[in-house]
């Protein structure tokens, strides 16, 4: 088990940090565990029990701490990254999910439009597309939030409030 501190690259420019595979993975996992855009920045991981870790802590540059074990690394590689890509990943990774929603949304818009243009069925369909869209958005946000919670538990991710910049 190794505990890592996650910091902004910009906060540790005075250190020469060559990231190991596990350090890069620690950053990737912390980004995946965040449902907020605030982590869409260049991050660096340092081992907590190292000179760089002590320096980052003293400088107030630590944003998060997290724990990597052989077991939770395997969980990420076999399961977590797949779910992340569907829920929060780049568009090319979740295009099937969002493409299906786009098709459903377009069909609902067509349905509403046909209802509005009808002389006899114009009372139907009002707000139907919006309701479907709202429900889908709520479900996705809930899934993203639940995913983040599971990730935070699996990797014991904790926010550190000492960042100075």
N, C-alpha and C. Protein backbone atom coordinates (compact mmCIF):
# COMPACT_ATOMS: atom_id res chain seq x y z
N UNK A 1 0.84 -1.17 0.00
CA UNK A 1 0.00 0.00 0.00
C UNK A 1 0.89 1.24 0.00
N UNK A 2 0.53 2.18 -0.88
CA UNK A 2 1.27 3.44 -0.95
C UNK A 2 0.26 4.59 -0.92
N UNK A 3 0.53 5.57 -0.10
CA UNK A 3 -0.30 6.76 -0.05
C UNK A 3 0.38 7.83 -0.89
N UNK A 4 -0.44 8.49 -1.72
CA UNK A 4 0.06 9.54 -2.60
C UNK A 4 -0.62 10.85 -2.25
N UNK A 5 0.11 11.92 -2.43
CA UNK A 5 -0.46 13.26 -2.38
C UNK A 5 -0.63 13.72 -3.82
N UNK A 6 -1.76 14.31 -4.09
CA UNK A 6 -2.05 14.83 -5.43
C UNK A 6 -1.99 16.35 -5.35
N UNK A 7 -1.19 16.92 -6.24
CA UNK A 7 -0.95 18.37 -6.25
C UNK A 7 -1.07 18.89 -7.68
N UNK A 8 -1.23 20.19 -7.80
CA UNK A 8 -1.15 20.83 -9.12
C UNK A 8 0.32 20.89 -9.53
N UNK A 9 0.58 20.62 -10.77
CA UNK A 9 1.95 20.74 -11.29
C UNK A 9 2.48 22.14 -11.02
N UNK A 10 1.62 23.13 -11.25
CA UNK A 10 2.03 24.53 -11.10
C UNK A 10 2.50 24.85 -9.68
N UNK A 11 2.03 24.11 -8.70
CA UNK A 11 2.43 24.37 -7.30
C UNK A 11 3.77 23.74 -6.93
N UNK A 12 4.27 22.87 -7.78
CA UNK A 12 5.54 22.19 -7.48
C UNK A 12 6.56 22.35 -8.61
N UNK A 13 6.55 23.50 -9.26
CA UNK A 13 7.45 23.72 -10.40
C UNK A 13 8.91 23.73 -9.99
N UNK A 14 9.18 23.96 -8.72
CA UNK A 14 10.57 23.99 -8.27
C UNK A 14 11.14 22.59 -8.04
N UNK A 15 10.31 21.56 -8.19
CA UNK A 15 10.78 20.18 -8.08
C UNK A 15 10.86 19.56 -9.47
N UNK A 16 11.83 18.69 -9.65
CA UNK A 16 11.91 17.95 -10.90
C UNK A 16 11.24 16.61 -10.65
N UNK A 17 10.04 16.46 -11.17
CA UNK A 17 9.24 15.28 -10.88
C UNK A 17 9.06 14.44 -12.13
N UNK A 18 9.67 13.28 -12.13
CA UNK A 18 9.46 12.30 -13.18
C UNK A 18 8.44 11.30 -12.63
N UNK A 19 7.26 11.30 -13.20
CA UNK A 19 6.17 10.48 -12.68
C UNK A 19 6.33 9.01 -13.04
N UNK A 20 6.18 8.15 -12.04
CA UNK A 20 6.17 6.70 -12.27
C UNK A 20 4.80 6.32 -12.80
N UNK A 21 4.66 5.10 -13.25
CA UNK A 21 3.36 4.63 -13.73
C UNK A 21 2.31 4.70 -12.63
N UNK A 22 2.68 4.33 -11.41
CA UNK A 22 1.72 4.39 -10.30
C UNK A 22 1.35 5.82 -9.94
N UNK A 23 2.28 6.75 -10.04
CA UNK A 23 1.97 8.15 -9.76
C UNK A 23 1.02 8.72 -10.81
N UNK A 24 1.25 8.36 -12.07
CA UNK A 24 0.33 8.80 -13.13
C UNK A 24 -1.06 8.18 -12.91
N UNK A 25 -1.07 6.92 -12.49
CA UNK A 25 -2.33 6.23 -12.22
C UNK A 25 -3.07 6.88 -11.06
N UNK A 26 -2.34 7.28 -10.03
CA UNK A 26 -2.96 7.96 -8.88
C UNK A 26 -3.67 9.23 -9.34
N UNK A 27 -3.04 10.00 -10.20
CA UNK A 27 -3.67 11.23 -10.72
C UNK A 27 -4.91 10.89 -11.55
N UNK A 28 -4.79 9.89 -12.39
CA UNK A 28 -5.91 9.47 -13.24
C UNK A 28 -7.11 9.07 -12.38
N UNK A 29 -6.86 8.33 -11.33
CA UNK A 29 -7.94 7.86 -10.46
C UNK A 29 -8.58 9.01 -9.70
N UNK A 30 -7.78 9.93 -9.21
CA UNK A 30 -8.34 11.08 -8.49
C UNK A 30 -9.19 11.94 -9.43
N UNK A 31 -8.75 12.12 -10.66
CA UNK A 31 -9.54 12.86 -11.64
C UNK A 31 -10.85 12.12 -11.91
N UNK A 32 -10.78 10.81 -12.06
CA UNK A 32 -11.98 10.02 -12.33
C UNK A 32 -12.95 10.07 -11.15
N UNK A 33 -12.43 10.16 -9.95
CA UNK A 33 -13.27 10.18 -8.75
C UNK A 33 -13.91 11.54 -8.53
N UNK A 34 -13.53 12.53 -9.30
CA UNK A 34 -14.10 13.86 -9.15
C UNK A 34 -15.15 14.06 -10.23
N UNK A 35 -16.34 14.49 -9.81
CA UNK A 35 -17.38 14.77 -10.80
C UNK A 35 -17.39 16.25 -11.15
N UNK A 36 -16.36 16.95 -10.73
CA UNK A 36 -16.29 18.39 -10.94
C UNK A 36 -15.18 18.71 -11.93
N UNK A 37 -15.38 19.78 -12.70
CA UNK A 37 -14.38 20.20 -13.69
C UNK A 37 -13.14 20.79 -13.05
N UNK A 38 -13.19 21.09 -11.76
CA UNK A 38 -12.06 21.74 -11.11
C UNK A 38 -10.77 20.91 -11.21
N UNK A 39 -10.91 19.61 -11.42
CA UNK A 39 -9.71 18.79 -11.53
C UNK A 39 -9.25 18.61 -12.96
N UNK A 40 -9.81 19.37 -13.86
CA UNK A 40 -9.39 19.31 -15.25
C UNK A 40 -8.15 20.19 -15.41
N UNK A 41 -7.09 19.78 -14.75
CA UNK A 41 -5.84 20.54 -14.75
C UNK A 41 -4.69 19.55 -14.70
N UNK A 42 -3.48 20.04 -14.87
CA UNK A 42 -2.31 19.19 -14.78
C UNK A 42 -2.03 18.88 -13.33
N UNK A 43 -2.04 17.59 -13.02
CA UNK A 43 -1.78 17.15 -11.66
C UNK A 43 -0.51 16.33 -11.60
N UNK A 44 0.03 16.24 -10.41
CA UNK A 44 1.21 15.43 -10.16
C UNK A 44 0.98 14.70 -8.84
N UNK A 45 1.47 13.48 -8.77
CA UNK A 45 1.37 12.70 -7.54
C UNK A 45 2.76 12.52 -6.97
N UNK A 46 2.85 12.60 -5.65
CA UNK A 46 4.11 12.31 -4.95
C UNK A 46 3.78 11.36 -3.81
N UNK A 47 4.69 10.45 -3.54
CA UNK A 47 4.49 9.55 -2.41
C UNK A 47 4.48 10.37 -1.13
N UNK A 48 3.51 10.09 -0.28
CA UNK A 48 3.39 10.83 0.97
C UNK A 48 4.63 10.66 1.85
N UNK A 49 5.17 9.46 1.87
CA UNK A 49 6.33 9.17 2.72
C UNK A 49 7.64 9.35 1.95
N UNK A 50 7.78 10.51 1.34
CA UNK A 50 9.01 10.81 0.60
C UNK A 50 9.39 12.26 0.86
N UNK A 51 10.59 12.63 0.45
CA UNK A 51 11.00 14.03 0.59
C UNK A 51 10.07 14.95 -0.19
N UNK A 52 9.70 14.53 -1.40
CA UNK A 52 8.79 15.35 -2.21
C UNK A 52 7.41 15.47 -1.55
N UNK A 53 6.96 14.39 -0.91
CA UNK A 53 5.69 14.42 -0.20
C UNK A 53 5.73 15.38 0.97
N UNK A 54 6.82 15.35 1.72
CA UNK A 54 6.99 16.27 2.84
C UNK A 54 7.05 17.71 2.34
N UNK A 55 7.79 17.92 1.26
CA UNK A 55 7.91 19.26 0.68
C UNK A 55 6.55 19.78 0.24
N UNK A 56 5.78 18.94 -0.46
CA UNK A 56 4.46 19.34 -0.95
C UNK A 56 3.54 19.69 0.22
N UNK A 57 3.65 18.93 1.28
CA UNK A 57 2.82 19.19 2.45
C UNK A 57 3.22 20.50 3.13
N UNK A 58 4.51 20.71 3.30
CA UNK A 58 4.99 21.94 3.93
C UNK A 58 4.66 23.17 3.10
N UNK A 59 4.69 23.00 1.80
CA UNK A 59 4.39 24.12 0.90
C UNK A 59 2.88 24.41 0.82
N UNK A 60 2.07 23.49 1.35
CA UNK A 60 0.62 23.66 1.28
C UNK A 60 0.07 23.36 -0.10
N UNK A 61 0.76 22.51 -0.85
CA UNK A 61 0.38 22.24 -2.23
C UNK A 61 -0.49 20.99 -2.38
N UNK A 62 -0.72 20.26 -1.32
CA UNK A 62 -1.45 19.00 -1.42
C UNK A 62 -2.95 19.28 -1.55
N UNK A 63 -3.54 18.75 -2.61
CA UNK A 63 -4.98 18.88 -2.82
C UNK A 63 -5.72 17.67 -2.28
N UNK A 64 -5.17 16.47 -2.53
CA UNK A 64 -5.81 15.22 -2.14
C UNK A 64 -4.75 14.23 -1.67
N UNK A 65 -5.18 13.31 -0.84
CA UNK A 65 -4.37 12.13 -0.56
C UNK A 65 -5.19 10.94 -1.05
N UNK A 66 -4.51 9.90 -1.43
CA UNK A 66 -5.18 8.69 -1.90
C UNK A 66 -4.26 7.50 -1.71
N UNK A 67 -4.85 6.32 -1.70
CA UNK A 67 -4.11 5.10 -1.43
C UNK A 67 -4.21 4.14 -2.61
N UNK A 68 -3.06 3.63 -3.02
CA UNK A 68 -3.02 2.60 -4.05
C UNK A 68 -2.51 1.30 -3.45
N UNK A 69 -3.21 0.23 -3.77
CA UNK A 69 -2.77 -1.12 -3.41
C UNK A 69 -2.81 -1.95 -4.69
N UNK A 70 -2.19 -3.10 -4.66
CA UNK A 70 -2.25 -3.97 -5.85
C UNK A 70 -3.70 -4.31 -6.17
N UNK A 71 -4.49 -4.54 -5.14
CA UNK A 71 -5.89 -4.91 -5.33
C UNK A 71 -6.70 -3.78 -5.97
N UNK A 72 -6.58 -2.56 -5.44
CA UNK A 72 -7.41 -1.50 -6.01
C UNK A 72 -6.90 -1.01 -7.37
N UNK A 73 -5.62 -1.24 -7.65
CA UNK A 73 -5.11 -0.96 -9.01
C UNK A 73 -5.79 -1.90 -10.00
N UNK A 74 -5.90 -3.17 -9.65
CA UNK A 74 -6.55 -4.15 -10.53
C UNK A 74 -8.03 -3.82 -10.71
N UNK A 75 -8.69 -3.38 -9.64
CA UNK A 75 -10.11 -2.99 -9.74
C UNK A 75 -10.26 -1.87 -10.76
N UNK A 76 -9.36 -0.88 -10.71
CA UNK A 76 -9.43 0.22 -11.66
C UNK A 76 -9.23 -0.28 -13.09
N UNK A 77 -8.20 -1.10 -13.28
CA UNK A 77 -7.88 -1.56 -14.63
C UNK A 77 -8.95 -2.46 -15.22
N UNK A 78 -9.57 -3.31 -14.40
CA UNK A 78 -10.55 -4.28 -14.90
C UNK A 78 -11.97 -3.74 -14.92
N UNK A 79 -12.30 -2.84 -13.99
CA UNK A 79 -13.69 -2.41 -13.87
C UNK A 79 -13.88 -0.89 -13.92
N UNK A 80 -13.15 -0.20 -13.06
CA UNK A 80 -13.39 1.23 -12.86
C UNK A 80 -13.25 2.07 -14.10
N UNK A 81 -12.21 1.83 -14.86
CA UNK A 81 -11.97 2.67 -16.05
C UNK A 81 -13.08 2.51 -17.08
N UNK A 82 -13.65 1.30 -17.18
CA UNK A 82 -14.75 1.09 -18.13
C UNK A 82 -15.97 1.91 -17.74
N UNK A 83 -16.32 1.89 -16.45
CA UNK A 83 -17.48 2.63 -15.98
C UNK A 83 -17.23 4.13 -16.11
N UNK A 84 -16.03 4.55 -15.74
CA UNK A 84 -15.65 5.96 -15.85
C UNK A 84 -15.84 6.47 -17.27
N UNK A 85 -15.37 5.70 -18.23
CA UNK A 85 -15.46 6.14 -19.62
C UNK A 85 -16.90 6.34 -20.06
N UNK A 86 -17.80 5.49 -19.59
CA UNK A 86 -19.22 5.66 -19.94
C UNK A 86 -19.81 6.89 -19.29
N UNK A 87 -19.48 7.12 -18.02
CA UNK A 87 -20.14 8.18 -17.27
C UNK A 87 -19.48 9.55 -17.43
N UNK A 88 -18.17 9.58 -17.45
CA UNK A 88 -17.47 10.86 -17.35
C UNK A 88 -16.34 11.02 -18.36
N UNK A 89 -16.06 10.00 -19.10
CA UNK A 89 -14.90 10.03 -19.97
C UNK A 89 -15.08 10.87 -21.21
N UNK A 90 -14.05 10.87 -22.05
CA UNK A 90 -14.10 11.63 -23.30
C UNK A 90 -15.25 11.17 -24.19
N UNK A 91 -15.71 12.05 -25.05
CA UNK A 91 -16.86 11.79 -25.90
C UNK A 91 -16.71 10.51 -26.72
N UNK A 92 -15.51 10.22 -27.19
CA UNK A 92 -15.34 9.01 -28.01
C UNK A 92 -15.55 7.74 -27.19
N UNK A 93 -15.42 7.82 -25.86
CA UNK A 93 -15.61 6.66 -25.01
C UNK A 93 -17.07 6.45 -24.61
N UNK A 94 -17.84 7.51 -24.52
CA UNK A 94 -19.22 7.35 -24.09
C UNK A 94 -20.21 7.70 -25.19
N UNK A 95 -19.76 7.63 -26.43
CA UNK A 95 -20.62 8.04 -27.55
C UNK A 95 -21.85 7.14 -27.70
N UNK A 96 -21.74 5.86 -27.36
CA UNK A 96 -22.91 4.98 -27.47
C UNK A 96 -24.01 5.42 -26.52
N UNK A 97 -23.65 5.72 -25.27
CA UNK A 97 -24.63 6.15 -24.28
C UNK A 97 -25.27 7.47 -24.69
N UNK A 98 -24.44 8.45 -25.01
CA UNK A 98 -24.97 9.77 -25.36
C UNK A 98 -25.62 9.76 -26.74
N UNK A 99 -25.13 8.92 -27.63
CA UNK A 99 -25.77 8.79 -28.94
C UNK A 99 -27.18 8.23 -28.82
N UNK A 100 -27.34 7.22 -27.96
CA UNK A 100 -28.67 6.64 -27.73
C UNK A 100 -29.60 7.69 -27.12
N UNK A 101 -29.07 8.47 -26.20
CA UNK A 101 -29.90 9.53 -25.61
C UNK A 101 -30.28 10.55 -26.67
N UNK A 102 -29.34 10.91 -27.52
CA UNK A 102 -29.63 11.87 -28.59
C UNK A 102 -30.74 11.39 -29.50
N UNK A 103 -30.71 10.10 -29.82
CA UNK A 103 -31.76 9.52 -30.67
C UNK A 103 -33.11 9.56 -29.94
N UNK A 104 -33.11 9.23 -28.67
CA UNK A 104 -34.34 9.27 -27.88
C UNK A 104 -34.87 10.70 -27.78
N UNK A 105 -33.98 11.63 -27.53
CA UNK A 105 -34.37 13.04 -27.42
C UNK A 105 -34.98 13.54 -28.73
N UNK A 106 -34.36 13.18 -29.86
CA UNK A 106 -34.90 13.59 -31.16
C UNK A 106 -36.27 12.97 -31.40
N UNK A 107 -36.43 11.70 -31.03
CA UNK A 107 -37.72 11.04 -31.20
C UNK A 107 -38.79 11.71 -30.33
N UNK A 108 -38.43 12.10 -29.13
CA UNK A 108 -39.39 12.77 -28.24
C UNK A 108 -39.78 14.14 -28.80
N UNK A 109 -38.81 14.85 -29.35
CA UNK A 109 -39.10 16.14 -29.98
C UNK A 109 -40.05 15.97 -31.16
N UNK A 110 -39.81 14.92 -31.98
CA UNK A 110 -40.70 14.65 -33.12
C UNK A 110 -42.11 14.33 -32.64
N UNK A 111 -42.20 13.53 -31.59
CA UNK A 111 -43.50 13.17 -31.02
C UNK A 111 -44.25 14.42 -30.57
N UNK A 112 -43.57 15.27 -29.82
CA UNK A 112 -44.19 16.52 -29.35
C UNK A 112 -44.64 17.38 -30.52
N UNK A 113 -43.80 17.49 -31.51
CA UNK A 113 -44.12 18.31 -32.68
C UNK A 113 -45.36 17.77 -33.40
N UNK A 114 -45.42 16.46 -33.56
CA UNK A 114 -46.60 15.85 -34.21
C UNK A 114 -47.86 16.07 -33.39
N UNK A 115 -47.73 15.97 -32.08
CA UNK A 115 -48.89 16.21 -31.22
C UNK A 115 -49.36 17.66 -31.33
N UNK A 116 -48.42 18.60 -31.31
CA UNK A 116 -48.76 20.02 -31.40
C UNK A 116 -49.47 20.36 -32.71
N UNK A 117 -49.07 19.69 -33.79
CA UNK A 117 -49.64 19.98 -35.11
C UNK A 117 -50.98 19.26 -35.35
N UNK A 118 -51.34 18.38 -34.45
CA UNK A 118 -52.57 17.60 -34.59
C UNK A 118 -53.78 18.41 -34.13
N UNK A 119 -54.87 18.25 -34.85
CA UNK A 119 -56.11 18.90 -34.44
C UNK A 119 -56.77 18.17 -33.27
N UNK A 120 -56.56 16.89 -33.18
CA UNK A 120 -57.27 16.08 -32.20
C UNK A 120 -56.41 15.57 -31.05
N UNK A 121 -55.09 15.60 -31.20
CA UNK A 121 -54.21 15.04 -30.18
C UNK A 121 -53.24 16.09 -29.62
N UNK A 122 -53.57 17.35 -29.82
CA UNK A 122 -52.63 18.41 -29.42
C UNK A 122 -52.50 18.57 -27.90
N UNK A 123 -53.33 17.87 -27.15
CA UNK A 123 -53.18 17.92 -25.69
C UNK A 123 -52.12 16.92 -25.20
N UNK A 124 -51.67 16.07 -26.09
CA UNK A 124 -50.66 15.07 -25.73
C UNK A 124 -49.25 15.62 -25.97
N UNK A 125 -48.30 15.01 -25.32
CA UNK A 125 -46.90 15.29 -25.59
C UNK A 125 -46.32 16.53 -24.99
N UNK A 126 -47.13 17.38 -24.40
CA UNK A 126 -46.62 18.64 -23.85
C UNK A 126 -45.63 18.37 -22.73
N UNK A 127 -44.42 18.83 -22.94
CA UNK A 127 -43.39 18.66 -21.92
C UNK A 127 -42.81 17.26 -21.84
N UNK A 128 -43.25 16.36 -22.72
CA UNK A 128 -42.79 14.97 -22.65
C UNK A 128 -41.29 14.87 -22.89
N UNK A 129 -40.79 15.55 -23.93
CA UNK A 129 -39.35 15.50 -24.23
C UNK A 129 -38.54 16.10 -23.09
N UNK A 130 -39.04 17.21 -22.55
CA UNK A 130 -38.33 17.84 -21.42
C UNK A 130 -38.28 16.91 -20.22
N UNK A 131 -39.39 16.21 -19.96
CA UNK A 131 -39.44 15.29 -18.82
C UNK A 131 -38.45 14.14 -19.01
N UNK A 132 -38.38 13.61 -20.22
CA UNK A 132 -37.44 12.52 -20.50
C UNK A 132 -36.00 13.02 -20.34
N UNK A 133 -35.71 14.20 -20.89
CA UNK A 133 -34.38 14.78 -20.79
C UNK A 133 -34.00 15.04 -19.34
N UNK A 134 -34.93 15.62 -18.59
CA UNK A 134 -34.66 15.92 -17.18
C UNK A 134 -34.40 14.64 -16.40
N UNK A 135 -35.19 13.62 -16.63
CA UNK A 135 -35.00 12.35 -15.92
C UNK A 135 -33.67 11.72 -16.28
N UNK A 136 -33.31 11.74 -17.56
CA UNK A 136 -32.03 11.18 -17.99
C UNK A 136 -30.88 11.94 -17.32
N UNK A 137 -30.94 13.27 -17.35
CA UNK A 137 -29.90 14.08 -16.72
C UNK A 137 -29.78 13.77 -15.23
N UNK A 138 -30.92 13.67 -14.55
CA UNK A 138 -30.89 13.36 -13.11
C UNK A 138 -30.28 11.99 -12.85
N UNK A 139 -30.66 11.01 -13.67
CA UNK A 139 -30.12 9.65 -13.50
C UNK A 139 -28.61 9.62 -13.74
N UNK A 140 -28.16 10.31 -14.78
CA UNK A 140 -26.73 10.34 -15.07
C UNK A 140 -25.97 11.03 -13.95
N UNK A 141 -26.46 12.15 -13.48
CA UNK A 141 -25.79 12.86 -12.37
C UNK A 141 -25.73 12.00 -11.11
N UNK A 142 -26.81 11.28 -10.84
CA UNK A 142 -26.81 10.39 -9.67
C UNK A 142 -25.79 9.26 -9.85
N UNK A 143 -25.73 8.69 -11.04
CA UNK A 143 -24.75 7.64 -11.31
C UNK A 143 -23.33 8.18 -11.16
N UNK A 144 -23.09 9.39 -11.70
CA UNK A 144 -21.76 10.00 -11.59
C UNK A 144 -21.40 10.23 -10.13
N UNK A 145 -22.34 10.71 -9.36
CA UNK A 145 -22.10 10.97 -7.95
C UNK A 145 -21.83 9.66 -7.20
N UNK A 146 -22.62 8.63 -7.48
CA UNK A 146 -22.42 7.32 -6.84
C UNK A 146 -21.07 6.73 -7.23
N UNK A 147 -20.70 6.88 -8.50
CA UNK A 147 -19.40 6.40 -8.96
C UNK A 147 -18.28 7.10 -8.20
N UNK A 148 -18.38 8.41 -8.07
CA UNK A 148 -17.36 9.18 -7.36
C UNK A 148 -17.26 8.73 -5.90
N UNK A 149 -18.39 8.47 -5.27
CA UNK A 149 -18.38 8.01 -3.87
C UNK A 149 -17.70 6.65 -3.73
N UNK A 150 -18.01 5.75 -4.64
CA UNK A 150 -17.38 4.42 -4.60
C UNK A 150 -15.88 4.56 -4.80
N UNK A 151 -15.48 5.39 -5.76
CA UNK A 151 -14.05 5.60 -6.02
C UNK A 151 -13.36 6.19 -4.79
N UNK A 152 -14.00 7.17 -4.18
CA UNK A 152 -13.40 7.80 -3.00
C UNK A 152 -13.22 6.79 -1.87
N UNK A 153 -14.17 5.88 -1.73
CA UNK A 153 -14.05 4.84 -0.71
C UNK A 153 -12.97 3.81 -1.07
N UNK A 154 -12.99 3.35 -2.31
CA UNK A 154 -12.02 2.32 -2.75
C UNK A 154 -10.57 2.78 -2.62
N UNK A 155 -10.35 4.06 -2.91
CA UNK A 155 -8.98 4.58 -2.95
C UNK A 155 -8.68 5.52 -1.78
N UNK A 156 -9.60 5.53 -0.82
CA UNK A 156 -9.45 6.36 0.38
C UNK A 156 -8.99 7.79 0.03
N UNK A 157 -9.69 8.36 -0.93
CA UNK A 157 -9.36 9.71 -1.40
C UNK A 157 -9.91 10.72 -0.40
N UNK A 158 -9.04 11.59 0.04
CA UNK A 158 -9.44 12.63 0.98
C UNK A 158 -8.96 13.98 0.45
N UNK A 159 -9.86 14.94 0.53
CA UNK A 159 -9.49 16.30 0.14
C UNK A 159 -8.68 16.93 1.26
N UNK A 160 -7.59 17.58 0.88
CA UNK A 160 -6.73 18.27 1.84
C UNK A 160 -6.97 19.76 1.66
N UNK A 161 -7.24 20.46 2.71
CA UNK A 161 -7.65 21.87 2.62
C UNK A 161 -6.48 22.84 2.72
N UNK A 162 -5.25 22.40 2.50
CA UNK A 162 -4.11 23.29 2.72
C UNK A 162 -3.59 23.95 1.47
N UNK A 163 -4.22 23.77 0.34
CA UNK A 163 -3.71 24.37 -0.90
C UNK A 163 -3.72 25.88 -0.76
N UNK A 164 -2.59 26.49 -1.06
CA UNK A 164 -2.43 27.93 -0.82
C UNK A 164 -2.73 28.78 -2.03
N UNK A 165 -2.73 28.23 -3.23
CA UNK A 165 -2.93 29.09 -4.41
C UNK A 165 -4.22 28.88 -5.10
